[in-house]
Amino acid sequence: MTEPSVNNSFINRLQRILEEEAAAVKAIPLSDGYAKAVELIVERVNGMGGKLVTSGMGKAGQIAMNIATTFCSTGTPAVFLHPSEAQHGDLGILQKNDVLLLLSNSGKTREILELIDLARVLNPGIPFIVITGDPESPLAKSADIALFTGAAPEVCPLGMTPTTSTTMMTVIGDLLVVATMEAIGFTVEEYAKRHHGGYLGHKSRSQL
């Protein structure tokens, strides 16, 4: 039986996409903002009993939700707040000592900018960290700490669909999660307490 032929031009195109996204990840600009962000999260959430509240619209919102769940599973309480639902009562989840982590590639997302104004009315002292592709955007300029993706072009052939940008946001979220885990000395014992089911739960308990 002969093996199906491989379309070399298609495989080559996929390889170029991988290389473009990998290059974008390597080019993420690192700054002392990361250390400041982790310090802020550890101080207010792990030290003062607050929580990390993430938010974003559309695909950035899905990344923000994933970041929140990953923080939760690694010892730092976090929750996702939908910026539109915040205007219909969900804003009440914000409490003293919370930290906002806001994602917007353009830094101009209307719902996110409105969320900042609403949050400051409810909790005037709440600090916020942003992940964005534009350091000159309104969101970046008003942030306590701004982390930049590097604004690499989207690999989408139209140059529009969030592809590379969401990869960068995901990676930056991973940087914050792992650095926070290390800062709080998160252990496999603590991990096991938060994972009672599934493969990860079994794997973590087997290491105790």
C-alpha atoms as a PDB file:
ATOM      1  CA  MET A   1       0.000   0.000   0.000  1.00  0.00           C
ATOM      2  CA  THR A   2       1.480   3.332  -1.028  1.00  0.00           C
ATOM      3  CA  GLU A   3       1.605   6.195   1.420  1.00  0.00           C
ATOM      4  CA  PRO A   4      -0.363   9.338   0.577  1.00  0.00           C
ATOM      5  CA  SER A   5       1.773  11.966  -1.081  1.00  0.00           C
ATOM      6  CA  VAL A   6       2.709  15.053   0.894  1.00  0.00           C
ATOM      7  CA  ASN A   7       2.060  18.468  -0.556  1.00  0.00           C
ATOM      8  CA  ASN A   8       5.482  19.980  -0.031  1.00  0.00           C
ATOM      9  CA  SER A   9       4.374  23.535  -0.731  1.00  0.00           C
ATOM     10  CA  PHE A  10       1.664  23.245   1.915  1.00  0.00           C
ATOM     11  CA  ILE A  11       4.090  21.795   4.481  1.00  0.00           C
ATOM     12  CA  ASN A  12       6.576  24.539   3.663  1.00  0.00           C
ATOM     13  CA  ARG A  13       3.905  27.158   4.242  1.00  0.00           C
ATOM     14  CA  LEU A  14       3.083  25.640   7.638  1.00  0.00           C
ATOM     15  CA  GLN A  15       6.779  25.654   8.478  1.00  0.00           C
ATOM     16  CA  ARG A  16       7.008  29.352   7.652  1.00  0.00           C
ATOM     17  CA  ILE A  17       4.026  30.059   9.907  1.00  0.00           C
ATOM     18  CA  LEU A  18       5.728  28.198  12.753  1.00  0.00           C
ATOM     19  CA  GLU A  19       8.943  30.112  12.182  1.00  0.00           C
ATOM     20  CA  GLU A  20       7.140  33.458  12.144  1.00  0.00           C
ATOM     21  CA  GLU A  21       5.319  32.763  15.388  1.00  0.00           C
ATOM     22  CA  ALA A  22       8.453  31.367  17.038  1.00  0.00           C
ATOM     23  CA  ALA A  23      10.393  34.471  16.026  1.00  0.00           C
ATOM     24  CA  ALA A  24       7.632  36.661  17.447  1.00  0.00           C
ATOM     25  CA  VAL A  25       7.794  34.816  20.772  1.00  0.00           C
ATOM     26  CA  LYS A  26      11.566  35.242  20.955  1.00  0.00           C
ATOM     27  CA  ALA A  27      11.182  38.959  20.204  1.00  0.00           C
ATOM     28  CA  ILE A  28       8.762  39.688  23.055  1.00  0.00           C
ATOM     29  CA  PRO A  29      10.333  42.715  24.774  1.00  0.00           C
ATOM     30  CA  LEU A  30      11.283  41.854  28.338  1.00  0.00           C
ATOM     31  CA  SER A  31      11.460  44.637  30.892  1.00  0.00           C
ATOM     32  CA  ASP A  32      11.450  45.282  34.620  1.00  0.00           C
ATOM     33  CA  GLY A  33       7.678  45.498  34.236  1.00  0.00           C
ATOM     34  CA  TYR A  34       7.531  41.739  34.644  1.00  0.00           C
ATOM     35  CA  ALA A  35       9.242  41.829  38.026  1.00  0.00           C
ATOM     36  CA  LYS A  36       6.977  44.684  39.098  1.00  0.00           C
ATOM     37  CA  ALA A  37       3.876  42.818  37.928  1.00  0.00           C
ATOM     38  CA  VAL A  38       4.787  39.656  39.807  1.00  0.00           C
ATOM     39  CA  GLU A  39       5.663  41.663  42.908  1.00  0.00           C
ATOM     40  CA  LEU A  40       2.301  43.429  42.741  1.00  0.00           C
ATOM     41  CA  ILE A  41       0.371  40.180  42.307  1.00  0.00           C
ATOM     42  CA  VAL A  42       2.225  38.412  45.118  1.00  0.00           C
ATOM     43  CA  GLU A  43       1.867  41.374  47.478  1.00  0.00           C
ATOM     44  CA  ARG A  44      -1.843  41.999  46.981  1.00  0.00           C
ATOM     45  CA  VAL A  45      -3.175  38.551  46.138  1.00  0.00           C
ATOM     46  CA  ASN A  46      -0.948  36.073  47.949  1.00  0.00           C
ATOM     47  CA  GLY A  47      -0.021  38.435  50.780  1.00  0.00           C
ATOM     48  CA  MET A  48      -3.096  40.595  51.374  1.00  0.00           C
ATOM     49  CA  GLY A  49      -5.892  38.219  50.427  1.00  0.00           C
ATOM     50  CA  GLY A  50      -6.990  39.887  47.205  1.00  0.00           C
ATOM     51  CA  LYS A  51      -7.386  38.219  43.833  1.00  0.00           C
ATOM     52  CA  LEU A  52      -6.255  38.689  40.269  1.00  0.00           C
ATOM     53  CA  VAL A  53      -9.108  39.780  38.002  1.00  0.00           C
ATOM     54  CA  THR A  54      -8.420  39.288  34.303  1.00  0.00           C
ATOM     55  CA  SER A  55     -10.415  40.756  31.437  1.00  0.00           C
ATOM     56  CA  GLY A  56     -10.453  41.132  27.675  1.00  0.00           C
ATOM     57  CA  MET A  57     -12.892  41.213  24.765  1.00  0.00           C
ATOM     58  CA  GLY A  58     -13.254  38.603  22.042  1.00  0.00           C
ATOM     59  CA  LYS A  59     -10.259  36.336  21.557  1.00  0.00           C
ATOM     60  CA  ALA A  60      -8.203  38.390  24.020  1.00  0.00           C
ATOM     61  CA  GLY A  61     -10.928  37.636  26.544  1.00  0.00           C
ATOM     62  CA  GLN A  62     -10.543  33.909  25.953  1.00  0.00           C
ATOM     63  CA  ILE A  63      -6.815  34.235  26.629  1.00  0.00           C
ATOM     64  CA  ALA A  64      -7.568  36.265  29.765  1.00  0.00           C
ATOM     65  CA  MET A  65      -9.903  33.517  30.963  1.00  0.00           C
ATOM     66  CA  ASN A  66      -7.215  30.898  30.428  1.00  0.00           C
ATOM     67  CA  ILE A  67      -4.678  32.988  32.336  1.00  0.00           C
ATOM     68  CA  ALA A  68      -7.098  33.265  35.265  1.00  0.00           C
ATOM     69  CA  THR A  69      -7.710  29.521  35.460  1.00  0.00           C
ATOM     70  CA  THR A  70      -3.979  28.800  35.251  1.00  0.00           C
ATOM     71  CA  PHE A  71      -3.255  31.212  38.096  1.00  0.00           C
ATOM     72  CA  CYS A  72      -5.995  29.559  40.167  1.00  0.00           C
ATOM     73  CA  SER A  73      -4.502  26.117  39.706  1.00  0.00           C
ATOM     74  CA  THR A  74      -1.061  27.311  40.751  1.00  0.00           C
ATOM     75  CA  GLY A  75      -1.820  28.984  44.060  1.00  0.00           C
ATOM     76  CA  THR A  76      -2.919  32.503  43.094  1.00  0.00           C
ATOM     77  CA  PRO A  77      -6.694  33.114  43.259  1.00  0.00           C
ATOM     78  CA  ALA A  78      -7.930  34.652  40.011  1.00  0.00           C
ATOM     79  CA  VAL A  79     -11.185  35.166  38.148  1.00  0.00           C
ATOM     80  CA  PHE A  80     -12.215  36.300  34.689  1.00  0.00           C
ATOM     81  CA  LEU A  81     -14.496  39.341  34.444  1.00  0.00           C
ATOM     82  CA  HIS A  82     -16.239  39.924  31.125  1.00  0.00           C
ATOM     83  CA  PRO A  83     -15.961  43.663  30.419  1.00  0.00           C
ATOM     84  CA  SER A  84     -19.495  43.936  29.035  1.00  0.00           C
ATOM     85  CA  GLU A  85     -21.073  41.945  31.851  1.00  0.00           C
ATOM     86  CA  ALA A  86     -19.176  44.183  34.278  1.00  0.00           C
ATOM     87  CA  GLN A  87     -21.489  46.998  33.218  1.00  0.00           C
ATOM     88  CA  HIS A  88     -24.503  44.926  34.248  1.00  0.00           C
ATOM     89  CA  GLY A  89     -23.540  44.137  37.819  1.00  0.00           C
ATOM     90  CA  ASP A  90     -20.590  41.758  37.558  1.00  0.00           C
ATOM     91  CA  LEU A  91     -18.285  44.648  38.462  1.00  0.00           C
ATOM     92  CA  GLY A  92     -19.282  43.885  42.039  1.00  0.00           C
ATOM     93  CA  ILE A  93     -16.769  41.049  42.081  1.00  0.00           C
ATOM     94  CA  LEU A  94     -14.017  43.609  42.617  1.00  0.00           C
ATOM     95  CA  GLN A  95     -12.830  43.885  46.209  1.00  0.00           C
ATOM     96  CA  LYS A  96     -10.126  45.514  48.252  1.00  0.00           C
ATOM     97  CA  ASN A  97      -6.573  44.385  47.378  1.00  0.00           C
ATOM     98  CA  ASP A  98      -7.576  42.983  43.974  1.00  0.00           C
ATOM     99  CA  VAL A  99      -5.387  43.512  40.896  1.00  0.00           C
ATOM    100  CA  LEU A 100      -6.694  43.884  37.332  1.00  0.00           C
ATOM    101  CA  LEU A 101      -4.901  42.207  34.422  1.00  0.00           C
ATOM    102  CA  LEU A 102      -6.316  43.590  31.169  1.00  0.00           C
ATOM    103  CA  LEU A 103      -5.631  42.298  27.653  1.00  0.00           C
ATOM    104  CA  SER A 104      -6.083  44.315  24.468  1.00  0.00           C
ATOM    105  CA  ASN A 105      -3.832  44.025  21.446  1.00  0.00           C
ATOM    106  CA  SER A 106      -4.770  47.480  20.159  1.00  0.00           C
ATOM    107  CA  GLY A 107      -4.919  49.041  23.610  1.00  0.00           C
ATOM    108  CA  LYS A 108      -8.020  50.851  22.420  1.00  0.00           C
ATOM    109  CA  THR A 109     -10.785  48.348  23.133  1.00  0.00           C
ATOM    110  CA  ARG A 110     -13.750  50.444  24.223  1.00  0.00           C
ATOM    111  CA  GLU A 111     -15.127  47.956  26.726  1.00  0.00           C
ATOM    112  CA  ILE A 112     -11.761  47.610  28.462  1.00  0.00           C
ATOM    113  CA  LEU A 113     -11.226  51.361  28.716  1.00  0.00           C
ATOM    114  CA  GLU A 114     -14.734  51.706  30.144  1.00  0.00           C
ATOM    115  CA  LEU A 115     -13.999  48.908  32.604  1.00  0.00           C
ATOM    116  CA  ILE A 116     -11.054  50.872  33.971  1.00  0.00           C
ATOM    117  CA  ASP A 117     -13.240  53.915  34.615  1.00  0.00           C
ATOM    118  CA  LEU A 118     -15.937  51.815  36.280  1.00  0.00           C
ATOM    119  CA  ALA A 119     -13.421  49.908  38.413  1.00  0.00           C
ATOM    120  CA  ARG A 120     -11.858  53.127  39.653  1.00  0.00           C
ATOM    121  CA  VAL A 121     -15.250  54.465  40.699  1.00  0.00           C
ATOM    122  CA  LEU A 122     -15.946  51.319  42.733  1.00  0.00           C
ATOM    123  CA  ASN A 123     -12.380  50.820  43.993  1.00  0.00           C
ATOM    124  CA  PRO A 124     -10.326  54.002  43.437  1.00  0.00           C
ATOM    125  CA  GLY A 125      -7.025  52.445  44.431  1.00  0.00           C
ATOM    126  CA  ILE A 126      -7.176  49.304  42.317  1.00  0.00           C
ATOM    127  CA  PRO A 127      -3.967  48.859  40.275  1.00  0.00           C
ATOM    128  CA  PHE A 128      -3.978  47.335  36.841  1.00  0.00           C
ATOM    129  CA  ILE A 129      -1.523  45.549  34.615  1.00  0.00           C
ATOM    130  CA  VAL A 130      -2.041  45.485  30.854  1.00  0.00           C
ATOM    131  CA  ILE A 131      -0.835  43.258  28.041  1.00  0.00           C
ATOM    132  CA  THR A 132      -0.971  45.109  24.743  1.00  0.00           C
ATOM    133  CA  GLY A 133       0.717  45.467  21.382  1.00  0.00           C
ATOM    134  CA  ASP A 134       0.773  49.280  21.380  1.00  0.00           C
ATOM    135  CA  PRO A 135       2.878  51.137  23.982  1.00  0.00           C
ATOM    136  CA  GLU A 136       1.335  54.443  22.846  1.00  0.00           C
ATOM    137  CA  SER A 137      -2.252  53.285  23.278  1.00  0.00           C
ATOM    138  CA  PRO A 138      -4.658  54.820  25.820  1.00  0.00           C
ATOM    139  CA  LEU A 139      -4.653  51.563  27.768  1.00  0.00           C
ATOM    140  CA  ALA A 140      -0.866  51.386  28.017  1.00  0.00           C
ATOM    141  CA  LYS A 141      -0.507  55.020  29.001  1.00  0.00           C
ATOM    142  CA  SER A 142      -3.005  54.751  31.854  1.00  0.00           C
ATOM    143  CA  ALA A 143      -1.716  51.445  33.236  1.00  0.00           C
ATOM    144  CA  ASP A 144       0.265  50.973  36.421  1.00  0.00           C
ATOM    145  CA  ILE A 145       2.322  48.351  34.603  1.00  0.00           C
ATOM    146  CA  ALA A 146       2.289  47.722  30.844  1.00  0.00           C
ATOM    147  CA  LEU A 147       3.706  44.593  29.205  1.00  0.00           C
ATOM    148  CA  PHE A 148       4.128  44.668  25.448  1.00  0.00           C
ATOM    149  CA  THR A 149       3.745  41.842  22.951  1.00  0.00           C
ATOM    150  CA  GLY A 150       6.147  43.310  20.417  1.00  0.00           C
ATOM    151  CA  ALA A 151       3.330  43.834  17.913  1.00  0.00           C
ATOM    152  CA  ALA A 152       4.558  41.262  15.408  1.00  0.00           C
ATOM    153  CA  PRO A 153       2.347  40.968  12.303  1.00  0.00           C
ATOM    154  CA  GLU A 154      -0.474  38.445  12.442  1.00  0.00           C
ATOM    155  CA  VAL A 155       0.255  35.266  10.493  1.00  0.00           C
ATOM    156  CA  CYS A 156      -3.310  35.406   9.194  1.00  0.00           C
ATOM    157  CA  PRO A 157      -3.066  35.964   5.392  1.00  0.00           C
ATOM    158  CA  LEU A 158      -5.353  38.975   5.795  1.00  0.00           C
ATOM    159  CA  GLY A 159      -3.158  40.405   8.536  1.00  0.00           C
ATOM    160  CA  MET A 160      -6.243  40.870  10.676  1.00  0.00           C
ATOM    161  CA  THR A 161      -7.361  37.718  12.496  1.00  0.00           C
ATOM    162  CA  PRO A 162      -5.841  37.508  16.005  1.00  0.00           C
ATOM    163  CA  THR A 163      -3.254  34.767  15.605  1.00  0.00           C
ATOM    164  CA  THR A 164       0.268  35.883  16.443  1.00  0.00           C
ATOM    165  CA  SER A 165      -1.075  38.468  18.895  1.00  0.00           C
ATOM    166  CA  THR A 166      -3.014  35.894  20.899  1.00  0.00           C
ATOM    167  CA  THR A 167       0.027  33.626  20.938  1.00  0.00           C
ATOM    168  CA  MET A 168       2.057  36.475  22.426  1.00  0.00           C
ATOM    169  CA  MET A 169      -0.602  37.169  25.055  1.00  0.00           C
ATOM    170  CA  THR A 170      -0.674  33.498  26.006  1.00  0.00           C
ATOM    171  CA  VAL A 171       3.110  33.361  26.346  1.00  0.00           C
ATOM    172  CA  ILE A 172       3.190  36.533  28.453  1.00  0.00           C
ATOM    173  CA  GLY A 173       0.521  35.012  30.675  1.00  0.00           C
ATOM    174  CA  ASP A 174       2.710  31.934  31.073  1.00  0.00           C
ATOM    175  CA  LEU A 175       5.671  34.128  32.046  1.00  0.00           C
ATOM    176  CA  LEU A 176       3.614  35.777  34.781  1.00  0.00           C
ATOM    177  CA  VAL A 177       2.201  32.485  36.052  1.00  0.00           C
ATOM    178  CA  VAL A 178       5.538  30.674  36.237  1.00  0.00           C
ATOM    179  CA  ALA A 179       7.352  33.646  37.793  1.00  0.00           C
ATOM    180  CA  THR A 180       4.589  33.975  40.391  1.00  0.00           C
ATOM    181  CA  MET A 181       4.757  30.247  41.184  1.00  0.00           C
ATOM    182  CA  GLU A 182       8.469  30.597  41.799  1.00  0.00           C
ATOM    183  CA  ALA A 183       8.006  33.738  43.885  1.00  0.00           C
ATOM    184  CA  ILE A 184       5.526  32.066  46.245  1.00  0.00           C
ATOM    185  CA  GLY A 185       7.398  28.752  46.348  1.00  0.00           C
ATOM    186  CA  PHE A 186       4.437  26.797  45.000  1.00  0.00           C
ATOM    187  CA  THR A 187       4.910  23.062  45.559  1.00  0.00           C
ATOM    188  CA  VAL A 188       3.589  19.844  44.061  1.00  0.00           C
ATOM    189  CA  GLU A 189       1.792  19.240  47.382  1.00  0.00           C
ATOM    190  CA  GLU A 190      -0.154  22.472  46.924  1.00  0.00           C
ATOM    191  CA  TYR A 191      -0.756  21.598  43.291  1.00  0.00           C
ATOM    192  CA  ALA A 192      -2.265  18.257  44.258  1.00  0.00           C
ATOM    193  CA  LYS A 193      -4.698  19.955  46.645  1.00  0.00           C
ATOM    194  CA  ARG A 194      -6.146  21.875  43.709  1.00  0.00           C
ATOM    195  CA  HIS A 195      -6.291  18.955  41.260  1.00  0.00           C
ATOM    196  CA  HIS A 196      -8.464  16.103  42.488  1.00  0.00           C
ATOM    197  CA  GLY A 197      -9.413  14.633  39.141  1.00  0.00           C
ATOM    198  CA  GLY A 198      -7.954  13.756  35.790  1.00  0.00           C
ATOM    199  CA  TYR A 199      -4.459  12.959  34.682  1.00  0.00           C
ATOM    200  CA  LEU A 200      -2.826  15.970  36.363  1.00  0.00           C
ATOM    201  CA  GLY A 201      -4.490  15.155  39.660  1.00  0.00           C
ATOM    202  CA  HIS A 202      -3.216  11.578  39.522  1.00  0.00           C
ATOM    203  CA  LYS A 203       0.245  12.656  38.419  1.00  0.00           C
ATOM    204  CA  SER A 204       0.631  15.267  41.157  1.00  0.00           C
ATOM    205  CA  ARG A 205      -0.546  12.911  43.928  1.00  0.00           C
ATOM    206  CA  SER A 206       1.766  10.176  42.699  1.00  0.00           C
ATOM    207  CA  GLN A 207       4.725  12.468  43.381  1.00  0.00           C
ATOM    208  CA  LEU A 208       3.849  12.971  47.064  1.00  0.00           C
END
